[in-house]
Structure formats: C-alpha cells, structure tokens
Amino acid sequence: MRLWTNKFYSLFSVILFVLLVVAACDNTRKMPQSDAVADTSEEISWAYEGINELKRGDILVRPNLNIFPGTALVPRGMGFGHAALVTKGFKHSNIDSLLAGIQIIESIAKDVSADFQIREISGLIRSRFDAFNNDNFDLRYTGNRYRLRLALSEAEIDSVIAFALAQKGDLSAWNASKAFPDNSFNDSLIDIGLRENWADNATWYCSHLVWQSLFYITRKDADANGGYMVYPNDLIQADLFDNTESHQGRARF
C-alpha cells in the first residue's frame, strides 16, 4: 500500500510540474486581471518607462506567474508570459501602430500546423485564424510589457536573427532543452547530419528560442537564474539588460 501511495504522489508531482511548465509559454489562454497572483513587490525601478521605437534584435517579453517552479520573480507577473525576437524594426509614437509595423519571430503554443508553430509575423495583427493572428502584446498588457535590448553589433544582430529564422518549420514544445557547446551527444548528431550546429534543435518554446538565438551567437546567457527552463521572467530579470548611463537595455511599456 505504501509503495502504491509513493508512486501516486510521484506521478502527481510530475504531472503538476509538466502543467506548470507548459503554462509558462502557453499563449492559447488569456488570464483576466482578477485571476492574477497578488504581488506586493515595489514597482521595477530599473526599467525605463515607455518606448517609441523597436529595433532589429530587440526582445519583447510579457512576464509569467511567479509561482512557476524555477522562475525568476517579476513584479506584476501574471498569466503565462511570452517572448519574441524583433526581426524588422519600426518607429511610431502610438504603441499599436508601432507593434503593427514590426516583424517578430516567435514560438507559439497553439494547435496550428508546423509551418506556423515557429513563425515570423507582424507584432500586432488580427485574424480569426490562430496561425495568422497575433495579439500577444496588445493593449491588454499595457504597463506590463518589456522591451529588452543588448548592445550588439549589426553583424551580431544579423546572425542572431538568422539563427532564429532558420528554426521556422520546427515544432513548439514545452520540453525543449537548452543547448551548450562541447556536448558529445550534440556533436554526434552534427557528425551524422541530423543537426546543423550544436545549438540546433527540433523543438522550441518562446523564451527558449530567444535565449538560444542569443547564446549561440554571443555566448551571453540571458537566463537570470540559469535553471533548466528559461522563463519569460528569467529574460526580464537577466542583468545583461540592466540600464546604464549610455544604454537603455530594459524598458516597460
């Protein structure tokens, strides 16, 4: 009886963990404000307020719930979070127009064909079809959206975007894992032609795709706590994006 009970609790723990991890980048459901976990933390003082331009290589992030296992904490974390990489920039004083004028690449956890699970799309566009709709950063999230930016060269930005775009056609999956250089298993897959490089993968989730694209090209680790998973919150809290006198790395809009 005790053995059965132990197995039950082990299975329950695994299922609970999987559900929470899946939720971290699940943009199929929108959580109303009233359902958000109360957060009494002070407002983030290390984020500039407002934006009027998005550049290639910028990262857009919505924070996730702070109860997910292994996540960094971000004030006002709610819902399931999301992250995307800007592939085409734009400038406008109206946020909706600004978002509509950019292009992003993202991994979406929606029931769409493989052609659209890793997709390049406008930052704001309306459609009744999930594959062509993008409202992940619309006005519902005003004041709880972040623009993250690294001080990269144009060549580095080109390479980061090229890596992310090369993953189109892959699948979205919660259990995708980070890749690191000098991994014998990954190297063996390269040798037999199953991977293009050590950072290549067949599955991604939103913040993982952003993290891996940056890490592969720059070797800069944008995961604030270096956990197995890289959550949207982890990107927001990464000290790589701290603001300085000469660089605005983190802004909220």
C-alpha atoms as a PDB file:
ATOM      1  CA  MET A   1       0.000   0.000   0.000  1.00  0.00           C
ATOM      2  CA  ARG A   2       2.824   2.402   0.909  1.00  0.00           C
ATOM      3  CA  LEU A   3       4.596   1.657  -2.400  1.00  0.00           C
ATOM      4  CA  TRP A   4       1.425   2.455  -4.346  1.00  0.00           C
ATOM      5  CA  THR A   5       0.957   5.695  -2.405  1.00  0.00           C
ATOM      6  CA  ASN A   6       4.545   6.774  -3.084  1.00  0.00           C
ATOM      7  CA  LYS A   7       4.125   6.065  -6.792  1.00  0.00           C
ATOM      8  CA  PHE A   8       0.882   8.063  -6.832  1.00  0.00           C
ATOM      9  CA  TYR A   9       2.467  11.132  -5.256  1.00  0.00           C
ATOM     10  CA  SER A  10       5.499  10.868  -7.557  1.00  0.00           C
ATOM     11  CA  LEU A  11       3.244  10.725 -10.598  1.00  0.00           C
ATOM     12  CA  PHE A  12       1.139  13.611  -9.282  1.00  0.00           C
ATOM     13  CA  SER A  13       4.255  15.734  -8.766  1.00  0.00           C
ATOM     14  CA  VAL A  14       5.471  15.064 -12.292  1.00  0.00           C
ATOM     15  CA  ILE A  15       2.070  15.924 -13.789  1.00  0.00           C
ATOM     16  CA  LEU A  16       1.870  19.143 -11.750  1.00  0.00           C
ATOM     17  CA  PHE A  17       5.364  20.179 -12.854  1.00  0.00           C
ATOM     18  CA  VAL A  18       4.566  19.498 -16.510  1.00  0.00           C
ATOM     19  CA  LEU A  19       1.361  21.536 -16.345  1.00  0.00           C
ATOM     20  CA  LEU A  20       3.138  24.490 -14.783  1.00  0.00           C
ATOM     21  CA  VAL A  21       5.989  24.391 -17.288  1.00  0.00           C
ATOM     22  CA  VAL A  22       3.604  24.166 -20.238  1.00  0.00           C
ATOM     23  CA  ALA A  23       1.782  27.201 -18.855  1.00  0.00           C
ATOM     24  CA  ALA A  24       4.950  29.283 -18.828  1.00  0.00           C
ATOM     25  CA  CYS A  25       4.755  29.998 -22.558  1.00  0.00           C
ATOM     26  CA  ASP A  26       1.182  28.980 -23.341  1.00  0.00           C
ATOM     27  CA  ASN A  27      -0.467  31.852 -25.189  1.00  0.00           C
ATOM     28  CA  THR A  28      -3.653  29.973 -26.017  1.00  0.00           C
ATOM     29  CA  ARG A  29      -5.438  31.257 -22.912  1.00  0.00           C
ATOM     30  CA  LYS A  30      -5.722  34.781 -21.603  1.00  0.00           C
ATOM     31  CA  MET A  31      -5.897  35.218 -17.845  1.00  0.00           C
ATOM     32  CA  PRO A  32      -8.090  38.092 -16.618  1.00  0.00           C
ATOM     33  CA  GLN A  33      -6.514  40.579 -14.242  1.00  0.00           C
ATOM     34  CA  SER A  34      -8.649  39.353 -11.344  1.00  0.00           C
ATOM     35  CA  ASP A  35      -7.061  35.897 -11.570  1.00  0.00           C
ATOM     36  CA  ALA A  36      -3.506  37.189 -11.320  1.00  0.00           C
ATOM     37  CA  VAL A  37      -1.440  36.322  -8.269  1.00  0.00           C
ATOM     38  CA  ALA A  38      -1.270  39.299  -5.914  1.00  0.00           C
ATOM     39  CA  ASP A  39       2.164  40.900  -5.897  1.00  0.00           C
ATOM     40  CA  THR A  40       3.102  43.429  -3.244  1.00  0.00           C
ATOM     41  CA  SER A  41       6.629  43.969  -4.585  1.00  0.00           C
ATOM     42  CA  GLU A  42       7.726  47.502  -5.390  1.00  0.00           C
ATOM     43  CA  GLU A  43       7.490  48.627  -8.980  1.00  0.00           C
ATOM     44  CA  ILE A  44      10.550  47.868 -11.056  1.00  0.00           C
ATOM     45  CA  SER A  45      12.822  50.905 -10.818  1.00  0.00           C
ATOM     46  CA  TRP A  46      15.360  49.545 -13.308  1.00  0.00           C
ATOM     47  CA  ALA A  47      13.105  49.811 -16.354  1.00  0.00           C
ATOM     48  CA  TYR A  48      12.690  52.929 -18.489  1.00  0.00           C
ATOM     49  CA  GLU A  49       9.034  53.832 -18.969  1.00  0.00           C
ATOM     50  CA  GLY A  50       7.672  53.924 -22.498  1.00  0.00           C
ATOM     51  CA  ILE A  51       9.068  53.291 -25.977  1.00  0.00           C
ATOM     52  CA  ASN A  52       8.550  54.804 -29.435  1.00  0.00           C
ATOM     53  CA  GLU A  53      10.897  52.585 -31.431  1.00  0.00           C
ATOM     54  CA  LEU A  54      11.697  48.910 -31.777  1.00  0.00           C
ATOM     55  CA  LYS A  55      14.887  47.765 -33.474  1.00  0.00           C
ATOM     56  CA  ARG A  56      16.019  44.517 -35.059  1.00  0.00           C
ATOM     57  CA  GLY A  57      17.317  42.232 -32.339  1.00  0.00           C
ATOM     58  CA  ASP A  58      15.090  43.699 -29.623  1.00  0.00           C
ATOM     59  CA  ILE A  59      13.220  41.234 -27.417  1.00  0.00           C
ATOM     60  CA  LEU A  60       9.567  41.617 -26.426  1.00  0.00           C
ATOM     61  CA  VAL A  61       8.506  39.905 -23.205  1.00  0.00           C
ATOM     62  CA  ARG A  62       5.422  39.557 -21.031  1.00  0.00           C
ATOM     63  CA  PRO A  63       6.148  38.274 -17.501  1.00  0.00           C
ATOM     64  CA  ASN A  64       4.743  34.970 -16.301  1.00  0.00           C
ATOM     65  CA  LEU A  65       3.210  33.998 -12.973  1.00  0.00           C
ATOM     66  CA  ASN A  66       5.748  33.990 -10.170  1.00  0.00           C
ATOM     67  CA  ILE A  67       4.580  30.608  -8.830  1.00  0.00           C
ATOM     68  CA  PHE A  68       6.080  28.551 -11.649  1.00  0.00           C
ATOM     69  CA  PRO A  69       8.889  26.271 -10.389  1.00  0.00           C
ATOM     70  CA  GLY A  70      12.324  27.739 -11.056  1.00  0.00           C
ATOM     71  CA  THR A  71      11.177  31.087 -12.422  1.00  0.00           C
ATOM     72  CA  ALA A  72      12.757  34.415 -11.547  1.00  0.00           C
ATOM     73  CA  LEU A  73      10.343  36.832  -9.881  1.00  0.00           C
ATOM     74  CA  VAL A  74       8.989  39.885 -11.664  1.00  0.00           C
ATOM     75  CA  PRO A  75       6.512  42.324 -10.106  1.00  0.00           C
ATOM     76  CA  ARG A  76       3.028  42.036 -11.627  1.00  0.00           C
ATOM     77  CA  GLY A  77       3.817  38.666 -13.153  1.00  0.00           C
ATOM     78  CA  MET A  78       0.543  37.229 -14.423  1.00  0.00           C
ATOM     79  CA  GLY A  79      -0.816  34.762 -16.929  1.00  0.00           C
ATOM     80  CA  PHE A  80       1.558  32.564 -18.850  1.00  0.00           C
ATOM     81  CA  GLY A  81       4.071  35.008 -20.261  1.00  0.00           C
ATOM     82  CA  HIS A  82       5.525  35.218 -23.747  1.00  0.00           C
ATOM     83  CA  ALA A  83       8.706  36.252 -25.555  1.00  0.00           C
ATOM     84  CA  ALA A  84       9.581  37.106 -29.149  1.00  0.00           C
ATOM     85  CA  LEU A  85      12.503  38.465 -31.163  1.00  0.00           C
ATOM     86  CA  VAL A  86      12.124  41.524 -33.401  1.00  0.00           C
ATOM     87  CA  THR A  87      13.292  40.843 -36.970  1.00  0.00           C
ATOM     88  CA  LYS A  88      12.206  44.137 -38.564  1.00  0.00           C
ATOM     89  CA  GLY A  89      12.133  47.431 -36.702  1.00  0.00           C
ATOM     90  CA  PHE A  90       9.766  50.389 -36.804  1.00  0.00           C
ATOM     91  CA  LYS A  91       9.251  53.756 -35.114  1.00  0.00           C
ATOM     92  CA  HIS A  92       5.938  55.296 -34.036  1.00  0.00           C
ATOM     93  CA  SER A  93       4.581  57.180 -31.027  1.00  0.00           C
ATOM     94  CA  ASN A  94       1.414  55.035 -30.916  1.00  0.00           C
ATOM     95  CA  ILE A  95       2.154  51.607 -29.423  1.00  0.00           C
ATOM     96  CA  ASP A  96      -0.430  49.737 -31.511  1.00  0.00           C
ATOM     97  CA  SER A  97       0.974  51.283 -34.683  1.00  0.00           C
ATOM     98  CA  LEU A  98       4.492  50.559 -33.500  1.00  0.00           C
ATOM     99  CA  LEU A  99       3.720  46.887 -32.905  1.00  0.00           C
ATOM    100  CA  ALA A 100       1.828  46.589 -36.186  1.00  0.00           C
ATOM    101  CA  GLY A 101       4.834  47.985 -38.031  1.00  0.00           C
ATOM    102  CA  ILE A 102       7.404  45.478 -36.782  1.00  0.00           C
ATOM    103  CA  GLN A 103       8.044  41.834 -37.627  1.00  0.00           C
ATOM    104  CA  ILE A 104       8.862  39.270 -34.953  1.00  0.00           C
ATOM    105  CA  ILE A 105       9.744  35.603 -34.795  1.00  0.00           C
ATOM    106  CA  GLU A 106       8.215  33.535 -32.033  1.00  0.00           C
ATOM    107  CA  SER A 107       7.296  30.045 -30.918  1.00  0.00           C
ATOM    108  CA  ILE A 108       3.578  29.751 -30.214  1.00  0.00           C
ATOM    109  CA  ALA A 109       1.886  27.019 -28.197  1.00  0.00           C
ATOM    110  CA  LYS A 110      -1.194  26.772 -30.374  1.00  0.00           C
ATOM    111  CA  ASP A 111      -2.820  23.992 -32.358  1.00  0.00           C
ATOM    112  CA  VAL A 112      -1.556  25.118 -35.750  1.00  0.00           C
ATOM    113  CA  SER A 113       0.413  23.353 -38.446  1.00  0.00           C
ATOM    114  CA  ALA A 114       4.187  23.005 -38.161  1.00  0.00           C
ATOM    115  CA  ASP A 115       4.603  25.831 -40.677  1.00  0.00           C
ATOM    116  CA  PHE A 116       3.262  28.302 -38.097  1.00  0.00           C
ATOM    117  CA  GLN A 117       4.442  26.960 -34.727  1.00  0.00           C
ATOM    118  CA  ILE A 118       7.716  28.855 -35.191  1.00  0.00           C
ATOM    119  CA  ARG A 119       6.544  31.837 -37.191  1.00  0.00           C
ATOM    120  CA  GLU A 120       7.569  35.260 -38.425  1.00  0.00           C
ATOM    121  CA  ILE A 121       4.632  37.652 -38.136  1.00  0.00           C
ATOM    122  CA  SER A 122       3.624  41.248 -37.506  1.00  0.00           C
ATOM    123  CA  GLY A 123       3.909  42.347 -33.872  1.00  0.00           C
ATOM    124  CA  LEU A 124       0.174  43.087 -33.878  1.00  0.00           C
ATOM    125  CA  ILE A 125      -2.303  41.702 -36.386  1.00  0.00           C
ATOM    126  CA  ARG A 126      -5.900  40.479 -36.156  1.00  0.00           C
ATOM    127  CA  SER A 127      -7.227  37.333 -37.770  1.00  0.00           C
ATOM    128  CA  ARG A 128      -9.837  34.739 -36.892  1.00  0.00           C
ATOM    129  CA  PHE A 129      -7.264  32.063 -37.725  1.00  0.00           C
ATOM    130  CA  ASP A 130      -4.717  31.336 -34.975  1.00  0.00           C
ATOM    131  CA  ALA A 131      -1.895  30.892 -37.464  1.00  0.00           C
ATOM    132  CA  PHE A 132      -2.279  34.479 -38.709  1.00  0.00           C
ATOM    133  CA  ASN A 133      -3.422  36.207 -35.519  1.00  0.00           C
ATOM    134  CA  ASN A 134      -1.039  37.913 -33.111  1.00  0.00           C
ATOM    135  CA  ASP A 135      -2.325  39.785 -30.064  1.00  0.00           C
ATOM    136  CA  ASN A 136       0.357  38.597 -27.647  1.00  0.00           C
ATOM    137  CA  PHE A 137       1.496  42.134 -26.826  1.00  0.00           C
ATOM    138  CA  ASP A 138      -1.668  44.176 -27.353  1.00  0.00           C
ATOM    139  CA  LEU A 139      -3.082  46.921 -25.121  1.00  0.00           C
ATOM    140  CA  ARG A 140      -4.423  44.464 -22.533  1.00  0.00           C
ATOM    141  CA  TYR A 141      -0.851  44.204 -21.280  1.00  0.00           C
ATOM    142  CA  THR A 142      -0.149  47.937 -21.164  1.00  0.00           C
ATOM    143  CA  GLY A 143       2.434  48.679 -18.471  1.00  0.00           C
ATOM    144  CA  ASN A 144       3.323  45.015 -18.178  1.00  0.00           C
ATOM    145  CA  ARG A 145       5.261  44.536 -21.422  1.00  0.00           C
ATOM    146  CA  TYR A 146       9.032  44.792 -21.702  1.00  0.00           C
ATOM    147  CA  ARG A 147      11.463  45.686 -24.434  1.00  0.00           C
ATOM    148  CA  LEU A 148      14.902  44.180 -23.809  1.00  0.00           C
ATOM    149  CA  ARG A 149      17.963  45.235 -25.799  1.00  0.00           C
ATOM    150  CA  LEU A 150      21.616  44.231 -25.879  1.00  0.00           C
ATOM    151  CA  ALA A 151      24.396  46.445 -27.187  1.00  0.00           C
ATOM    152  CA  LEU A 152      25.249  44.256 -30.187  1.00  0.00           C
ATOM    153  CA  SER A 153      26.949  44.988 -33.485  1.00  0.00           C
ATOM    154  CA  GLU A 154      24.909  44.902 -36.686  1.00  0.00           C
ATOM    155  CA  ALA A 155      26.721  41.713 -37.668  1.00  0.00           C
ATOM    156  CA  GLU A 156      25.772  40.054 -34.366  1.00  0.00           C
ATOM    157  CA  ILE A 157      22.147  41.157 -34.724  1.00  0.00           C
ATOM    158  CA  ASP A 158      22.065  39.776 -38.265  1.00  0.00           C
ATOM    159  CA  SER A 159      23.400  36.431 -37.022  1.00  0.00           C
ATOM    160  CA  VAL A 160      21.009  36.211 -34.045  1.00  0.00           C
ATOM    161  CA  ILE A 161      18.030  36.843 -36.301  1.00  0.00           C
ATOM    162  CA  ALA A 162      19.318  34.446 -38.960  1.00  0.00           C
ATOM    163  CA  PHE A 163      19.607  31.658 -36.389  1.00  0.00           C
ATOM    164  CA  ALA A 164      16.059  32.248 -35.134  1.00  0.00           C
ATOM    165  CA  LEU A 165      14.623  32.406 -38.662  1.00  0.00           C
ATOM    166  CA  ALA A 166      16.383  29.146 -39.548  1.00  0.00           C
ATOM    167  CA  GLN A 167      14.158  27.381 -36.995  1.00  0.00           C
ATOM    168  CA  LYS A 168      10.942  28.053 -38.919  1.00  0.00           C
ATOM    169  CA  GLY A 169       9.299  24.730 -39.649  1.00  0.00           C
ATOM    170  CA  ASP A 170      10.316  23.280 -36.288  1.00  0.00           C
ATOM    171  CA  LEU A 171       7.774  22.468 -33.579  1.00  0.00           C
ATOM    172  CA  SER A 172       6.726  24.216 -30.378  1.00  0.00           C
ATOM    173  CA  ALA A 173       7.211  22.046 -27.273  1.00  0.00           C
ATOM    174  CA  TRP A 174       7.385  22.699 -23.524  1.00  0.00           C
ATOM    175  CA  ASN A 175      10.161  20.113 -23.002  1.00  0.00           C
ATOM    176  CA  ALA A 176      12.691  21.630 -25.401  1.00  0.00           C
ATOM    177  CA  SER A 177      16.088  21.910 -23.742  1.00  0.00           C
ATOM    178  CA  LYS A 178      18.917  24.416 -23.836  1.00  0.00           C
ATOM    179  CA  ALA A 179      21.952  23.509 -25.914  1.00  0.00           C
ATOM    180  CA  PHE A 180      25.577  24.216 -24.999  1.00  0.00           C
ATOM    181  CA  PRO A 181      28.832  23.803 -26.919  1.00  0.00           C
ATOM    182  CA  ASP A 182      31.158  20.829 -26.426  1.00  0.00           C
ATOM    183  CA  ASN A 183      28.313  18.402 -25.837  1.00  0.00           C
ATOM    184  CA  SER A 184      29.298  14.972 -27.153  1.00  0.00           C
ATOM    185  CA  PHE A 185      25.725  13.938 -27.966  1.00  0.00           C
ATOM    186  CA  ASN A 186      25.012  17.110 -29.936  1.00  0.00           C
ATOM    187  CA  ASP A 187      28.348  16.763 -31.707  1.00  0.00           C
ATOM    188  CA  SER A 188      27.458  13.214 -32.722  1.00  0.00           C
ATOM    189  CA  LEU A 189      24.202  14.450 -34.278  1.00  0.00           C
ATOM    190  CA  ILE A 190      26.164  17.023 -36.268  1.00  0.00           C
ATOM    191  CA  ASP A 191      28.551  14.318 -37.485  1.00  0.00           C
ATOM    192  CA  ILE A 192      25.710  12.241 -38.931  1.00  0.00           C
ATOM    193  CA  GLY A 193      23.917  15.245 -40.411  1.00  0.00           C
ATOM    194  CA  LEU A 194      20.947  15.448 -38.037  1.00  0.00           C
ATOM    195  CA  ARG A 195      21.897  18.891 -36.725  1.00  0.00           C
ATOM    196  CA  GLU A 196      23.305  21.958 -38.417  1.00  0.00           C
ATOM    197  CA  ASN A 197      25.274  23.046 -35.355  1.00  0.00           C
ATOM    198  CA  TRP A 198      25.458  22.453 -31.608  1.00  0.00           C
ATOM    199  CA  ALA A 199      22.612  24.909 -30.921  1.00  0.00           C
ATOM    200  CA  ASP A 200      20.254  23.436 -33.496  1.00  0.00           C
ATOM    201  CA  ASN A 201      17.077  21.811 -32.204  1.00  0.00           C
ATOM    202  CA  ALA A 202      13.808  20.395 -33.490  1.00  0.00           C
ATOM    203  CA  THR A 203      11.556  21.865 -30.767  1.00  0.00           C
ATOM    204  CA  TRP A 204      11.307  25.233 -29.022  1.00  0.00           C
ATOM    205  CA  TYR A 205       9.233  27.248 -26.615  1.00  0.00           C
ATOM    206  CA  CYS A 206       9.031  31.032 -26.811  1.00  0.00           C
ATOM    207  CA  SER A 207      11.664  32.198 -24.321  1.00  0.00           C
ATOM    208  CA  HIS A 208      13.898  29.228 -25.168  1.00  0.00           C
ATOM    209  CA  LEU A 209      14.067  30.259 -28.840  1.00  0.00           C
ATOM    210  CA  VAL A 210      15.066  33.799 -27.852  1.00  0.00           C
ATOM    211  CA  TRP A 211      17.625  32.591 -25.288  1.00  0.00           C
ATOM    212  CA  GLN A 212      19.244  30.061 -27.633  1.00  0.00           C
ATOM    213  CA  SER A 213      19.476  32.526 -30.520  1.00  0.00           C
ATOM    214  CA  LEU A 214      21.350  34.995 -28.332  1.00  0.00           C
ATOM    215  CA  PHE A 215      23.535  32.417 -26.639  1.00  0.00           C
ATOM    216  CA  TYR A 216      24.603  30.683 -29.839  1.00  0.00           C
ATOM    217  CA  ILE A 217      25.852  33.876 -31.447  1.00  0.00           C
ATOM    218  CA  THR A 218      27.084  35.936 -28.474  1.00  0.00           C
ATOM    219  CA  ARG A 219      27.647  33.342 -25.705  1.00  0.00           C
ATOM    220  CA  LYS A 220      25.758  35.780 -23.466  1.00  0.00           C
ATOM    221  CA  ASP A 221      23.476  33.916 -21.054  1.00  0.00           C
ATOM    222  CA  ALA A 222      20.166  35.786 -20.796  1.00  0.00           C
ATOM    223  CA  ASP A 223      18.731  33.423 -18.158  1.00  0.00           C
ATOM    224  CA  ALA A 224      18.701  35.291 -14.831  1.00  0.00           C
ATOM    225  CA  ASN A 225      18.999  32.159 -12.685  1.00  0.00           C
ATOM    226  CA  GLY A 226      20.493  29.613 -15.080  1.00  0.00           C
ATOM    227  CA  GLY A 227      17.797  26.991 -14.493  1.00  0.00           C
ATOM    228  CA  TYR A 228      16.846  24.042 -16.665  1.00  0.00           C
ATOM    229  CA  MET A 229      13.973  26.102 -18.069  1.00  0.00           C
ATOM    230  CA  VAL A 230      14.341  29.688 -19.234  1.00  0.00           C
ATOM    231  CA  TYR A 231      11.111  31.529 -18.467  1.00  0.00           C
ATOM    232  CA  PRO A 232       9.998  34.922 -19.810  1.00  0.00           C
ATOM    233  CA  ASN A 233      10.630  36.258 -16.278  1.00  0.00           C
ATOM    234  CA  ASP A 234      14.209  34.992 -16.460  1.00  0.00           C
ATOM    235  CA  LEU A 235      14.829  37.096 -19.557  1.00  0.00           C
ATOM    236  CA  ILE A 236      13.355  40.207 -17.936  1.00  0.00           C
ATOM    237  CA  GLN A 237      15.483  39.830 -14.810  1.00  0.00           C
ATOM    238  CA  ALA A 238      18.750  38.993 -16.624  1.00  0.00           C
ATOM    239  CA  ASP A 239      21.419  41.541 -15.678  1.00  0.00           C
ATOM    240  CA  LEU A 240      22.515  41.617 -19.330  1.00  0.00           C
ATOM    241  CA  PHE A 241      19.644  44.047 -19.855  1.00  0.00           C
ATOM    242  CA  ASP A 242      20.384  46.373 -16.952  1.00  0.00           C
ATOM    243  CA  ASN A 243      20.224  50.040 -17.881  1.00  0.00           C
ATOM    244  CA  THR A 244      23.373  52.152 -17.829  1.00  0.00           C
ATOM    245  CA  GLU A 245      24.124  55.801 -18.481  1.00  0.00           C
ATOM    246  CA  SER A 246      24.898  55.004 -22.101  1.00  0.00           C
ATOM    247  CA  HIS A 247      22.481  52.157 -22.887  1.00  0.00           C
ATOM    248  CA  GLN A 248      18.769  51.562 -22.317  1.00  0.00           C
ATOM    249  CA  GLY A 249      18.637  47.810 -22.002  1.00  0.00           C
ATOM    250  CA  ARG A 250      15.249  47.377 -20.299  1.00  0.00           C
ATOM    251  CA  ALA A 251      12.083  49.375 -20.887  1.00  0.00           C
ATOM    252  CA  ARG A 252       8.473  48.821 -19.875  1.00  0.00           C
ATOM    253  CA  PHE A 253       5.558  49.951 -21.985  1.00  0.00           C
END
